Amino acid sequence: MIVPTRILNIVVVGIGGVGSALVPKLSRYCQFLPEGIEVKMTLIDGDEYQEKNRGRQAFHRLGNKAEVTVERISAEWPRIEFVSFGQYLTEENIEFLLCEVDNDSGVPQDTVVFVGVDNNDTKNVIDRYAQGRENIIVICGGNDYTDGNVQLFVRKGGKEVTQSLSTVHNEIAHPTDRSPHKMSCEELAAESAPQLFFANETVSVLMCWVFWHVVEHPAFLNDPAFAELFFDMEIGKVNSYQRHPQPPPTKE
């Protein structure tokens, strides 16, 4: 029996265009990490795969996105402990869903939350929760039709290493939409905007860029060389930006 020396507690919120592209890449990478790294991956989504999704999402049957995806990939990547949660993330269940793995042995643990939803209200819930955690890594990605971004938020030892999602993005700090669990089926259908498969793939790859640094270069989390990536397919460009925490206001 191999004694774990590190635990990767991965949570993927949203298994739509971005999440369904991301999970297979993460799984392949994690399957072949060095022995001693224990990997748990939780997939969260309350939505269902429909025939109209086949143009940019991979699935073998209709049904809940989290459950169907775990069913499809778990046999291919047996090293990973997959868990599906077929409900939307809410303020009521976030503490349970994003909690750390039970770990009585004191093995170092990294909780990495991938946010693949396009709903700003849900991002706000995750961001506020993350700001209260002692240690957490949030990798948030999204896109419009031909452009998008990936942002890294890190808290380490109770301090922010990078700026939070809502500090950088006002639309997350003050969302004008509502979380999916608060919406009717008609509202959900109206909310869905057209997306491009290649843009979803680009977001998922850039999220993996960030994750690779997190896993392979632990010092990266002390002072990330970049904390946000923007891409634009129309002009063929990817830009990176640092997001150092803002200093506290000075007292007069």
Protein backbone atom coordinates (compact mmCIF):
# COMPACT_ATOMS: atom_id res chain seq x y z
CA MET A 1 0.00 0.00 0.00
CA ILE A 2 1.34 3.40 -1.02
CA VAL A 3 1.17 5.99 1.74
CA PRO A 4 -0.03 9.32 0.29
CA THR A 5 2.36 12.25 0.58
CA ARG A 6 -0.02 14.83 -0.91
CA ILE A 7 -3.75 15.08 -1.52
CA LEU A 8 -5.27 16.90 -4.48
CA ASN A 9 -8.90 17.66 -3.69
CA ILE A 10 -10.27 18.85 -7.04
CA VAL A 11 -13.79 20.27 -7.39
CA VAL A 12 -15.22 21.15 -10.81
CA VAL A 13 -18.31 23.37 -10.66
CA GLY A 14 -20.21 23.32 -13.95
CA ILE A 15 -19.91 20.47 -16.47
CA GLY A 16 -21.14 22.37 -19.51
CA GLY A 17 -19.12 23.64 -22.46
CA VAL A 18 -16.02 24.44 -20.40
CA GLY A 19 -16.35 21.79 -17.69
CA SER A 20 -16.97 18.89 -20.06
CA ALA A 21 -13.85 19.90 -22.01
CA LEU A 22 -11.80 20.36 -18.84
CA VAL A 23 -12.54 17.16 -16.91
CA PRO A 24 -10.98 14.68 -19.41
CA LYS A 25 -7.79 16.77 -19.57
CA LEU A 26 -7.49 16.98 -15.78
CA SER A 27 -8.20 13.27 -15.44
CA ARG A 28 -5.57 12.21 -17.95
CA TYR A 29 -2.96 14.42 -16.29
CA CYS A 30 -3.81 13.32 -12.74
CA GLN A 31 -3.85 9.63 -13.67
CA PHE A 32 -0.11 9.78 -14.36
CA LEU A 33 1.07 11.97 -11.50
CA PRO A 34 3.85 10.51 -9.31
CA GLU A 35 2.86 7.79 -6.87
CA GLY A 36 1.96 9.13 -3.46
CA ILE A 37 -0.31 11.89 -4.76
CA GLU A 38 -3.89 11.00 -3.91
CA VAL A 39 -6.50 12.54 -6.20
CA LYS A 40 -10.19 13.09 -5.51
CA MET A 41 -12.32 14.84 -8.13
CA THR A 42 -15.87 16.03 -7.42
CA LEU A 43 -18.08 17.11 -10.32
CA ILE A 44 -21.02 19.43 -9.58
CA ASP A 45 -23.87 20.36 -11.92
CA GLY A 46 -27.65 20.33 -11.66
CA ASP A 47 -28.18 20.55 -15.43
CA GLU A 48 -28.76 17.70 -17.89
CA TYR A 49 -27.18 16.81 -21.22
CA GLN A 50 -29.55 17.33 -24.12
CA GLU A 51 -29.22 16.50 -27.81
CA LYS A 52 -28.63 20.16 -28.61
CA ASN A 53 -25.40 20.01 -26.53
CA ARG A 54 -23.63 17.49 -28.78
CA GLY A 55 -22.04 20.19 -30.92
CA ARG A 56 -19.65 21.17 -28.11
CA GLN A 57 -20.03 18.67 -25.25
CA ALA A 58 -19.06 14.97 -25.12
CA PHE A 59 -21.47 12.49 -23.52
CA HIS A 60 -22.59 8.92 -24.15
CA ARG A 61 -26.18 9.31 -22.97
CA LEU A 62 -28.66 11.92 -21.84
CA GLY A 63 -28.96 12.67 -18.14
CA ASN A 64 -27.44 14.75 -15.37
CA LYS A 65 -24.14 16.21 -16.55
CA ALA A 66 -22.13 15.45 -13.42
CA GLU A 67 -23.42 11.89 -13.09
CA VAL A 68 -23.12 11.01 -16.79
CA THR A 69 -19.58 12.40 -17.01
CA VAL A 70 -18.36 10.45 -13.98
CA GLU A 71 -20.01 7.33 -15.39
CA ARG A 72 -18.19 7.86 -18.70
CA ILE A 73 -14.65 8.56 -17.48
CA SER A 74 -14.25 6.77 -14.14
CA ALA A 75 -13.34 3.42 -15.71
CA GLU A 76 -10.75 5.04 -17.95
CA TRP A 77 -8.92 6.76 -15.09
CA PRO A 78 -9.14 4.32 -12.14
CA ARG A 79 -6.54 6.05 -9.99
CA ILE A 80 -8.86 9.00 -9.37
CA GLU A 81 -11.67 8.90 -6.83
CA PHE A 82 -14.57 10.46 -8.74
CA VAL A 83 -17.67 11.81 -7.02
CA SER A 84 -20.70 13.32 -8.76
CA PHE A 85 -23.17 15.75 -7.25
CA GLY A 86 -26.17 16.25 -9.49
CA GLN A 87 -27.39 19.54 -8.04
CA TYR A 88 -26.51 23.17 -8.53
CA LEU A 89 -24.04 24.72 -6.09
CA THR A 90 -25.77 27.08 -3.66
CA GLU A 91 -25.00 29.03 -0.51
CA GLU A 92 -26.68 26.24 1.43
CA ASN A 93 -24.54 23.36 0.11
CA ILE A 94 -21.22 25.02 -0.71
CA GLU A 95 -19.66 24.26 2.69
CA PHE A 96 -20.38 20.56 2.19
CA LEU A 97 -19.32 20.42 -1.46
CA LEU A 98 -16.05 22.33 -1.13
CA CYS A 99 -14.89 20.88 2.19
CA GLU A 100 -11.48 19.29 2.50
CA VAL A 101 -10.94 15.54 2.25
CA ASP A 102 -10.94 13.76 5.63
CA ASN A 103 -7.28 13.64 6.52
CA ASP A 104 -6.28 12.46 9.99
CA SER A 105 -2.69 11.74 8.95
CA GLY A 106 -1.77 15.38 8.39
CA VAL A 107 -0.82 14.82 4.74
CA PRO A 108 -0.53 18.15 2.88
CA GLN A 109 -3.72 18.89 0.96
CA ASP A 110 -4.54 21.30 -1.85
CA THR A 111 -8.20 22.12 -2.51
CA VAL A 112 -8.48 23.33 -6.10
CA VAL A 113 -11.88 24.61 -7.26
CA PHE A 114 -12.41 24.90 -11.01
CA VAL A 115 -15.30 27.22 -11.88
CA GLY A 116 -16.74 26.54 -15.32
CA VAL A 117 -20.13 28.18 -14.95
CA ASP A 118 -21.15 31.33 -16.82
CA ASN A 119 -23.48 32.46 -14.05
CA ASN A 120 -22.07 35.43 -12.11
CA ASP A 121 -24.32 34.89 -9.09
CA THR A 122 -22.82 31.41 -8.64
CA LYS A 123 -19.31 32.80 -9.09
CA ASN A 124 -20.10 35.37 -6.40
CA VAL A 125 -21.17 32.62 -3.98
CA ILE A 126 -17.93 30.73 -4.61
CA ASP A 127 -15.79 33.85 -4.34
CA ARG A 128 -17.29 34.94 -1.02
CA TYR A 129 -16.85 31.45 0.37
CA ALA A 130 -13.24 31.26 -0.83
CA GLN A 131 -12.40 34.60 0.79
CA GLY A 132 -13.23 33.06 4.15
CA ARG A 133 -11.06 29.97 3.75
CA GLU A 134 -7.62 29.54 5.28
CA ASN A 135 -6.23 27.83 2.18
CA ILE A 136 -7.90 27.47 -1.21
CA ILE A 137 -7.12 27.70 -4.91
CA VAL A 138 -9.83 28.86 -7.33
CA ILE A 139 -9.35 28.65 -11.10
CA CYS A 140 -12.26 30.35 -12.87
CA GLY A 141 -12.73 30.25 -16.63
CA GLY A 142 -15.33 31.46 -19.07
CA ASN A 143 -15.86 32.79 -22.55
CA ASP A 144 -18.15 34.69 -24.82
CA TYR A 145 -18.19 33.53 -28.43
CA THR A 146 -14.56 34.04 -29.53
CA ASP A 147 -12.86 35.48 -26.43
CA GLY A 148 -12.59 34.66 -22.77
CA ASN A 149 -10.50 34.62 -19.62
CA VAL A 150 -9.11 32.43 -16.85
CA GLN A 151 -8.48 33.86 -13.37
CA LEU A 152 -6.55 32.41 -10.44
CA PHE A 153 -7.49 33.27 -6.86
CA VAL A 154 -5.24 31.94 -4.08
CA ARG A 155 -5.56 32.14 -0.32
CA LYS A 156 -2.68 30.70 1.66
CA GLY A 157 -2.29 30.78 5.42
CA GLY A 158 -5.38 32.98 5.71
CA LYS A 159 -3.99 35.66 3.40
CA GLU A 160 -4.75 36.53 -0.21
CA VAL A 161 -1.90 35.83 -2.60
CA THR A 162 -3.87 37.13 -5.59
CA GLN A 163 -6.93 39.32 -5.93
CA SER A 164 -10.33 37.69 -5.58
CA LEU A 165 -12.70 37.17 -8.49
CA SER A 166 -15.00 39.97 -7.36
CA THR A 167 -12.16 42.42 -6.75
CA VAL A 168 -11.14 42.19 -10.39
CA HIS A 169 -14.55 41.73 -12.00
CA ASN A 170 -17.41 44.02 -11.07
CA GLU A 171 -19.94 41.74 -12.78
CA ILE A 172 -19.06 39.07 -10.21
CA ALA A 173 -19.06 41.49 -7.28
CA HIS A 174 -22.50 42.78 -8.29
CA PRO A 175 -24.20 40.06 -10.35
CA THR A 176 -27.35 40.96 -12.22
CA ASP A 177 -28.33 37.36 -12.93
CA ARG A 178 -29.64 34.68 -10.57
CA SER A 179 -28.21 31.28 -9.69
CA PRO A 180 -29.70 28.44 -11.77
CA HIS A 181 -31.41 26.83 -8.78
CA LYS A 182 -33.52 29.99 -8.42
CA MET A 183 -34.62 29.99 -12.07
CA SER A 184 -37.45 28.25 -13.92
CA CYS A 185 -36.83 25.98 -16.92
CA GLU A 186 -38.01 28.77 -19.21
CA GLU A 187 -35.58 31.23 -17.62
CA LEU A 188 -32.70 28.77 -17.90
CA ALA A 189 -33.41 28.25 -21.60
CA ALA A 190 -33.50 31.99 -22.19
CA GLU A 191 -30.21 32.47 -20.31
CA SER A 192 -28.17 30.15 -22.53
CA ALA A 193 -26.07 32.13 -25.03
CA PRO A 194 -24.48 30.62 -28.16
CA GLN A 195 -20.94 29.40 -27.55
CA LEU A 196 -18.14 28.17 -29.79
CA PHE A 197 -16.61 24.74 -29.21
CA PHE A 198 -13.09 26.02 -29.90
CA ALA A 199 -13.47 28.83 -27.34
CA ASN A 200 -14.63 26.32 -24.70
CA GLU A 201 -11.59 24.18 -25.51
CA THR A 202 -9.27 27.18 -25.24
CA VAL A 203 -10.60 28.06 -21.80
CA SER A 204 -10.14 24.48 -20.61
CA VAL A 205 -6.54 24.40 -21.88
CA LEU A 206 -5.69 27.70 -20.17
CA MET A 207 -7.19 26.40 -16.92
CA CYS A 208 -4.88 23.40 -17.27
CA TRP A 209 -1.93 25.74 -17.78
CA VAL A 210 -2.64 27.24 -14.37
CA PHE A 211 -3.23 23.85 -12.74
CA TRP A 212 0.07 22.53 -14.08
CA HIS A 213 1.90 25.38 -12.33
CA VAL A 214 -0.02 24.66 -9.11
CA VAL A 215 0.95 20.98 -9.12
CA GLU A 216 4.46 21.08 -10.54
CA HIS A 217 5.77 24.32 -9.05
CA PRO A 218 4.64 24.78 -5.42
CA ALA A 219 6.53 28.09 -5.16
CA PHE A 220 4.21 29.46 -7.86
CA LEU A 221 1.49 29.84 -5.24
CA ASN A 222 3.66 32.16 -3.16
CA ASP A 223 3.96 34.75 -5.94
CA PRO A 224 2.28 33.70 -9.20
CA ALA A 225 3.92 35.01 -12.37
CA PHE A 226 0.40 35.54 -13.69
CA ALA A 227 -3.08 35.33 -12.20
CA GLU A 228 -5.29 36.09 -15.18
CA LEU A 229 -5.19 35.13 -18.84
CA PHE A 230 -7.25 36.75 -21.58
CA PHE A 231 -7.57 35.33 -25.09
CA ASP A 232 -9.14 36.60 -28.29
CA MET A 233 -9.51 34.21 -31.21
CA GLU A 234 -10.35 37.04 -33.61
CA ILE A 235 -6.88 38.59 -33.30
CA GLY A 236 -5.03 35.41 -32.26
CA LYS A 237 -3.71 36.64 -28.93
CA VAL A 238 -3.34 35.56 -25.29
CA ASN A 239 -2.38 38.15 -22.66
CA SER A 240 -1.38 37.46 -19.06
CA TYR A 241 -1.68 39.73 -16.03
CA GLN A 242 -0.52 39.66 -12.43
CA ARG A 243 -3.18 40.27 -9.80
CA HIS A 244 -1.33 41.12 -6.61
CA PRO A 245 -3.55 41.77 -3.58
CA GLN A 246 -4.47 45.36 -3.02
CA PRO A 247 -2.80 46.88 0.07
CA PRO A 248 -5.15 47.70 2.95
CA PRO A 249 -6.28 51.34 3.11
CA THR A 250 -4.03 53.55 5.18
CA LYS A 251 -5.41 55.07 8.36
CA GLU A 252 -5.40 58.82 8.52
